[in-house]
Amino acid sequence: MLTRRRIIAAAIESVEGTAEAITVADAGILAIDPQYDPDVKMYSRDNVKTNTLSKLQQIPGQQMGTISFKAELKGPGSTYSATVKPALGKYLRACGFAETVDVTPGAEKVTYLPASTGVPSLTMWLYDDGRACKLKGCRGTVSFSGKAGEPIIADFKFTGVYDGAPALAMVTPTLEMSVPPVMLNAALTIDGYSAIFETFSVDIGNEIQMRSSASAMTGYLSALLTDRKPTGKIDPEMVLPATYDFMVKWVSGAAGALSLGPIGAVAYNKFNITAPKCVYTKIGSGDRNGLSTADLDIQLAMNTGDDEFKLEFVV
């Protein structure tokens, strides 16, 4: 079995925790380093006393697992519509994003904003060169990271209920083959300051908890998204206080808006990242090829609610 022969497929569940019938049409993303990690809780019987120091066999109990993968952030390269959207859309939705599609001719866009309710669950399969590693009732978290001259990478981790890992032939899906835009000519402003930076990252920081149920065959019903704590990191060049005073902003606790983009130049394959209220939580001292950098840790705070981070795919 080859680790290069792995395919991710998923479908939004009509009933939370009830597995959907996955088909080849539910695949379609180019996944980087897809991984499957089953987790069966084993009950230790060490408290049972016998006439020997030998141990009784453990008993398998609740069954869950995770599926993780990375993917390039990109658009489909064709006009957005109710059926033409970024291939990562369903995965973002199961990570707590609300999806809005605007089909205004010439100004089509797909917007992802945080959601506190209505987060769907996924049935997920990882095709692993002759078997299918299955989870149901999945929800997850995601982070985004980018470096000058490279695509922005979305790093997903989904948690769900174990649903078997049977032998199953590999599929040949139709993959989203648009070329990902790279982080070049991407303007970054934070608190009104146009920073010179090399790397950027955001961690949505979702907290995922399993719903235990003694009535379920696996001991779980589904995974729930119970909280989120979005944070970010940027590494702008350090400048004199007269240009921009990082320390004054940190000490004052003042929030400022962040804007990155557009990233990309091809129609329907470019996007913007924005955050209305960013608060510095730490400023480290870095060195980039002899240049001093302000290594910023940032809290992404709410403005009115469910708006602390926005990813928008545009024309």
Protein backbone atom coordinates (compact mmCIF):
# COMPACT_ATOMS: atom_id res chain seq x y z
CA MET A 1 0.00 0.00 0.00
CA LEU A 2 1.46 3.33 -1.10
CA THR A 3 1.10 6.50 0.96
CA ARG A 4 0.95 8.53 -2.27
CA ARG A 5 -2.26 6.72 -3.28
CA ARG A 6 -4.68 8.42 -0.92
CA ILE A 7 -7.87 10.33 -1.69
CA ILE A 8 -10.09 12.38 0.63
CA ALA A 9 -13.87 12.31 0.11
CA ALA A 10 -16.66 13.81 2.21
CA ALA A 11 -20.37 14.58 2.16
CA ILE A 12 -22.46 16.85 4.37
CA GLU A 13 -24.78 14.72 6.50
CA SER A 14 -28.54 15.10 6.23
CA VAL A 15 -28.83 13.70 9.76
CA GLU A 16 -25.95 14.43 12.12
CA GLY A 17 -23.97 11.29 12.85
CA THR A 18 -25.77 9.20 10.23
CA ALA A 19 -23.32 8.17 7.53
CA GLU A 20 -23.91 9.33 3.98
CA ALA A 21 -23.25 7.04 1.02
CA ILE A 22 -19.97 8.40 -0.33
CA THR A 23 -19.47 8.39 -4.12
CA VAL A 24 -16.59 9.39 -6.37
CA ALA A 25 -18.31 12.76 -6.85
CA ASP A 26 -17.69 13.52 -3.17
CA ALA A 27 -13.93 13.54 -3.74
CA GLY A 28 -12.22 16.26 -5.79
CA ILE A 29 -9.62 18.02 -3.66
CA LEU A 30 -5.88 17.71 -4.06
CA ALA A 31 -4.91 16.67 -0.54
CA ILE A 32 -1.43 17.04 0.91
CA ASP A 33 -0.30 14.45 3.47
CA PRO A 34 -3.74 12.95 4.28
CA GLN A 35 -3.69 10.97 7.52
CA TYR A 36 -6.13 8.69 9.35
CA ASP A 37 -5.76 8.08 13.09
CA PRO A 38 -8.30 5.73 14.73
CA ASP A 39 -8.75 5.93 18.48
CA VAL A 40 -10.36 3.08 20.43
CA LYS A 41 -10.47 3.58 24.19
CA MET A 42 -9.18 0.49 25.94
CA TYR A 43 -10.51 -0.29 29.41
CA SER A 44 -7.75 -1.48 31.71
CA ARG A 45 -8.65 -4.16 34.25
CA ASP A 46 -5.63 -3.56 36.48
CA ASN A 47 -7.95 -3.01 39.44
CA VAL A 48 -9.13 -6.63 39.26
CA LYS A 49 -7.21 -8.69 41.84
CA THR A 50 -6.01 -12.24 41.16
CA ASN A 51 -3.40 -14.59 42.59
CA THR A 52 -0.77 -13.38 40.07
CA LEU A 53 0.90 -10.17 38.96
CA SER A 54 -0.12 -10.93 35.36
CA LYS A 55 -2.77 -8.69 33.83
CA LEU A 56 -6.18 -9.51 32.42
CA GLN A 57 -6.82 -8.50 28.83
CA GLN A 58 -8.05 -4.97 28.15
CA ILE A 59 -11.54 -4.37 26.73
CA PRO A 60 -12.21 -2.09 23.73
CA GLY A 61 -14.76 0.66 24.37
CA GLN A 62 -15.63 3.97 22.69
CA GLN A 63 -14.45 4.32 19.09
CA MET A 64 -13.57 7.56 17.32
CA GLY A 65 -10.85 8.87 15.03
CA THR A 66 -9.38 11.80 13.15
CA ILE A 67 -8.71 12.54 9.50
CA SER A 68 -6.27 15.33 8.75
CA PHE A 69 -4.88 16.80 5.55
CA LYS A 70 -3.53 19.98 4.01
CA ALA A 71 -4.71 21.63 0.80
CA GLU A 72 -3.80 24.61 -1.35
CA LEU A 73 -6.16 27.56 -1.00
CA LYS A 74 -7.60 28.39 -4.41
CA GLY A 75 -10.72 29.05 -6.43
CA PRO A 76 -12.17 26.85 -9.18
CA GLY A 77 -11.11 29.21 -11.98
CA SER A 78 -14.64 29.49 -13.39
CA THR A 79 -17.67 31.65 -12.62
CA TYR A 80 -19.01 31.19 -9.10
CA SER A 81 -22.56 29.89 -8.79
CA ALA A 82 -24.69 27.72 -6.54
CA THR A 83 -22.85 24.69 -7.91
CA VAL A 84 -19.42 26.16 -8.77
CA LYS A 85 -17.58 27.01 -5.56
CA PRO A 86 -14.16 26.38 -4.03
CA ALA A 87 -13.67 22.63 -3.58
CA LEU A 88 -12.74 23.21 0.06
CA GLY A 89 -16.14 24.78 0.78
CA LYS A 90 -17.77 21.81 2.55
CA TYR A 91 -14.68 21.29 4.68
CA LEU A 92 -14.66 24.96 5.72
CA ARG A 93 -18.36 24.71 6.60
CA ALA A 94 -17.71 21.71 8.87
CA CYS A 95 -14.98 23.81 10.52
CA GLY A 96 -17.54 26.40 11.56
CA PHE A 97 -17.77 28.72 8.56
CA ALA A 98 -20.98 30.00 6.99
CA GLU A 99 -20.83 30.05 3.20
CA THR A 100 -22.49 32.82 1.17
CA VAL A 101 -22.54 32.83 -2.64
CA ASP A 102 -23.14 36.11 -4.51
CA VAL A 103 -23.96 35.52 -8.19
CA THR A 104 -24.18 39.18 -9.25
CA PRO A 105 -22.88 39.10 -12.86
CA GLY A 106 -19.33 40.39 -13.05
CA ALA A 107 -19.05 40.59 -9.25
CA GLU A 108 -19.55 36.97 -8.24
CA LYS A 109 -17.95 35.94 -4.96
CA VAL A 110 -18.02 33.25 -2.29
CA THR A 111 -17.61 34.43 1.30
CA TYR A 112 -16.74 32.41 4.40
CA LEU A 113 -17.42 33.88 7.85
CA PRO A 114 -17.42 32.19 11.27
CA ALA A 115 -20.71 30.68 12.43
CA SER A 116 -21.87 29.84 15.94
CA THR A 117 -24.90 27.78 14.88
CA GLY A 118 -25.88 25.60 11.95
CA VAL A 119 -22.45 24.00 11.54
CA PRO A 120 -22.95 20.83 9.46
CA SER A 121 -21.31 17.47 10.13
CA LEU A 122 -19.50 15.37 7.54
CA THR A 123 -19.19 11.74 6.61
CA MET A 124 -15.53 11.37 5.63
CA TRP A 125 -13.60 8.62 3.89
CA LEU A 126 -9.89 8.38 3.33
CA TYR A 127 -9.29 6.04 0.40
CA ASP A 128 -6.00 4.36 1.31
CA ASP A 129 -4.79 2.34 -1.69
CA GLY A 130 -7.31 -0.48 -1.37
CA ARG A 131 -9.24 0.29 1.79
CA ALA A 132 -11.58 3.06 2.96
CA CYS A 133 -10.98 4.57 6.40
CA LYS A 134 -14.40 5.87 7.44
CA LEU A 135 -15.61 8.43 9.97
CA LYS A 136 -19.07 9.94 10.46
CA GLY A 137 -20.41 12.88 12.46
CA CYS A 138 -17.20 14.82 11.75
CA ARG A 139 -16.43 18.41 12.61
CA GLY A 140 -13.03 20.04 12.67
CA THR A 141 -10.67 22.94 12.88
CA VAL A 142 -8.46 24.64 10.31
CA SER A 143 -5.44 26.89 10.12
CA PHE A 144 -4.02 28.86 7.20
CA SER A 145 -0.37 29.65 6.55
CA GLY A 146 1.53 31.32 3.74
CA LYS A 147 5.01 32.47 2.80
CA ALA A 148 6.21 34.89 0.13
CA GLY A 149 6.18 33.20 -3.27
CA GLU A 150 4.21 30.16 -2.09
CA PRO A 151 0.51 29.19 -2.00
CA ILE A 152 -1.46 29.63 1.20
CA ILE A 153 -2.03 26.21 2.73
CA ALA A 154 -5.16 25.22 4.66
CA ASP A 155 -4.42 22.62 7.35
CA PHE A 156 -7.53 20.65 8.38
CA LYS A 157 -8.09 18.24 11.25
CA PHE A 158 -11.47 16.51 11.57
CA THR A 159 -12.68 14.43 14.49
CA GLY A 160 -15.54 11.96 14.18
CA VAL A 161 -17.08 8.60 15.01
CA TYR A 162 -15.29 5.47 13.81
CA ASP A 163 -17.27 3.79 11.03
CA GLY A 164 -15.00 0.98 9.86
CA ALA A 165 -12.00 0.56 7.55
CA PRO A 166 -13.01 -2.09 4.99
CA ALA A 167 -11.24 -3.14 1.82
CA LEU A 168 -12.41 -0.94 -1.05
CA ALA A 169 -11.03 -0.25 -4.51
CA MET A 170 -9.38 3.10 -5.18
CA VAL A 171 -11.46 5.69 -7.04
CA THR A 172 -10.48 8.12 -9.79
CA PRO A 173 -12.18 11.43 -8.96
CA THR A 174 -12.40 14.57 -11.05
CA LEU A 175 -10.00 16.86 -9.22
CA GLU A 176 -10.07 20.65 -8.99
CA MET A 177 -7.07 21.33 -11.22
CA SER A 178 -6.89 25.15 -11.05
CA VAL A 179 -3.38 26.36 -10.18
CA PRO A 180 -3.20 27.90 -6.70
CA PRO A 181 -2.21 31.57 -6.51
CA VAL A 182 0.97 32.35 -4.63
CA MET A 183 1.57 35.08 -2.09
CA LEU A 184 3.10 37.70 -4.38
CA ASN A 185 1.95 41.30 -4.89
CA ALA A 186 -0.24 40.72 -1.83
CA ALA A 187 -0.74 43.93 0.10
CA LEU A 188 -0.91 43.60 3.88
CA THR A 189 -2.19 46.36 6.14
CA ILE A 190 -2.66 46.05 9.87
CA ASP A 191 -4.02 48.91 11.93
CA GLY A 192 -3.63 51.09 8.84
CA TYR A 193 0.09 50.32 8.52
CA SER A 194 1.40 48.74 5.30
CA ALA A 195 3.79 46.16 6.70
CA ILE A 196 6.67 44.46 4.88
CA PHE A 197 6.28 40.79 5.78
CA GLU A 198 7.30 37.31 4.65
CA THR A 199 4.99 34.90 6.48
CA PHE A 200 1.40 34.98 7.68
CA SER A 201 -0.76 32.46 9.52
CA VAL A 202 -4.18 32.19 11.14
CA ASP A 203 -5.38 29.38 13.39
CA ILE A 204 -9.17 29.33 13.77
CA GLY A 205 -8.68 27.40 17.01
CA ASN A 206 -11.91 25.40 17.12
CA GLU A 207 -12.50 23.21 20.17
CA ILE A 208 -13.98 19.85 19.19
CA GLN A 209 -15.66 17.53 21.71
CA MET A 210 -17.21 14.12 21.19
CA ARG A 211 -20.86 13.47 22.11
CA SER A 212 -20.79 10.36 24.29
CA SER A 213 -23.80 8.03 24.16
CA ALA A 214 -24.07 4.63 25.82
CA SER A 215 -26.89 3.88 23.36
CA ALA A 216 -24.61 4.22 20.32
CA MET A 217 -22.73 1.18 19.01
CA THR A 218 -19.44 3.09 19.10
CA GLY A 219 -20.22 5.03 22.28
CA TYR A 220 -20.41 8.32 20.39
CA LEU A 221 -23.05 10.16 18.34
CA SER A 222 -20.91 12.81 16.64
CA ALA A 223 -18.29 15.50 17.17
CA LEU A 224 -19.34 18.98 18.28
CA LEU A 225 -17.70 22.36 17.75
CA THR A 226 -18.03 23.92 21.21
CA ASP A 227 -15.74 26.97 21.08
CA ARG A 228 -13.19 28.84 18.97
CA LYS A 229 -10.22 31.07 19.76
CA PRO A 230 -8.80 32.49 16.52
CA THR A 231 -5.20 33.68 16.58
CA GLY A 232 -2.66 34.79 14.02
CA LYS A 233 1.04 35.38 13.42
CA ILE A 234 2.82 37.89 11.16
CA ASP A 235 6.51 38.77 10.85
CA PRO A 236 6.76 42.40 9.62
CA GLU A 237 10.08 44.22 9.48
CA MET A 238 10.70 46.24 12.62
CA VAL A 239 10.59 50.01 12.06
CA LEU A 240 11.20 53.09 14.17
CA PRO A 241 8.31 54.25 16.39
CA ALA A 242 7.83 57.34 14.23
CA THR A 243 6.85 55.04 11.36
CA TYR A 244 4.75 52.62 13.41
CA ASP A 245 4.97 51.93 17.13
CA PHE A 246 4.32 48.24 17.70
CA MET A 247 4.98 48.45 21.45
CA VAL A 248 2.55 51.32 22.06
CA LYS A 249 -0.16 49.35 20.26
CA TRP A 250 0.56 46.25 22.34
CA VAL A 251 0.64 48.03 25.67
CA SER A 252 -2.50 50.04 24.91
CA GLY A 253 -4.48 46.96 23.84
CA ALA A 254 -5.82 48.92 20.88
CA ALA A 255 -7.40 46.83 18.12
CA GLY A 256 -6.79 47.42 14.43
CA ALA A 257 -8.17 45.96 11.22
CA LEU A 258 -6.16 43.55 9.09
CA SER A 259 -6.38 43.17 5.33
CA LEU A 260 -4.39 40.78 3.13
CA GLY A 261 -4.88 40.55 -0.61
CA PRO A 262 -5.97 40.11 -3.17
CA ILE A 263 -3.90 36.97 -3.44
CA GLY A 264 -3.87 35.89 -7.07
CA ALA A 265 -4.52 37.63 -10.38
CA VAL A 266 -6.63 35.12 -12.33
CA ALA A 267 -10.41 35.61 -12.39
CA TYR A 268 -12.30 33.30 -10.01
CA ASN A 269 -9.02 32.13 -8.52
CA LYS A 270 -8.12 34.90 -6.13
CA PHE A 271 -9.15 35.78 -2.61
CA ASN A 272 -8.90 38.29 0.22
CA ILE A 273 -8.40 37.71 3.95
CA THR A 274 -9.65 40.31 6.42
CA ALA A 275 -10.14 40.65 10.17
CA PRO A 276 -11.85 43.69 11.75
CA LYS A 277 -10.20 43.72 15.19
CA CYS A 278 -6.68 42.41 15.72
CA VAL A 279 -5.01 42.79 19.11
CA TYR A 280 -1.30 42.21 19.64
CA THR A 281 -0.79 39.61 22.38
CA LYS A 282 2.99 39.24 22.03
CA ILE A 283 5.78 40.91 20.07
CA GLY A 284 8.90 38.82 19.65
CA SER A 285 12.25 39.92 18.28
CA GLY A 286 13.20 38.14 15.06
CA ASP A 287 15.97 38.18 12.48
CA ARG A 288 15.31 37.76 8.75
CA ASN A 289 18.56 37.75 6.81
CA GLY A 290 20.02 40.43 9.04
CA LEU A 291 16.83 42.51 9.22
CA SER A 292 15.08 42.93 12.56
CA THR A 293 11.48 41.71 12.57
CA ALA A 294 8.56 42.19 14.93
CA ASP A 295 7.20 38.66 15.31
CA LEU A 296 3.56 39.38 16.13
CA ASP A 297 1.13 37.10 17.92
CA ILE A 298 -2.40 38.35 17.33
CA GLN A 299 -5.85 37.75 18.73
CA LEU A 300 -8.61 37.93 16.13
CA ALA A 301 -11.42 39.54 18.12
CA MET A 302 -15.07 40.00 17.20
CA ASN A 303 -16.57 43.23 15.96
CA THR A 304 -20.30 42.51 16.20
CA GLY A 305 -19.97 38.71 16.38
CA ASP A 306 -19.23 35.88 13.94
CA ASP A 307 -17.06 38.29 11.96
CA GLU A 308 -13.56 38.03 13.42
CA PHE A 309 -12.14 36.49 10.22
CA LYS A 310 -13.31 36.59 6.62
CA LEU A 311 -12.11 34.60 3.63
CA GLU A 312 -13.60 35.87 0.38
CA PHE A 313 -13.06 34.38 -3.08
CA VAL A 314 -13.59 37.07 -5.71
CA VAL A 315 -13.65 37.64 -9.47
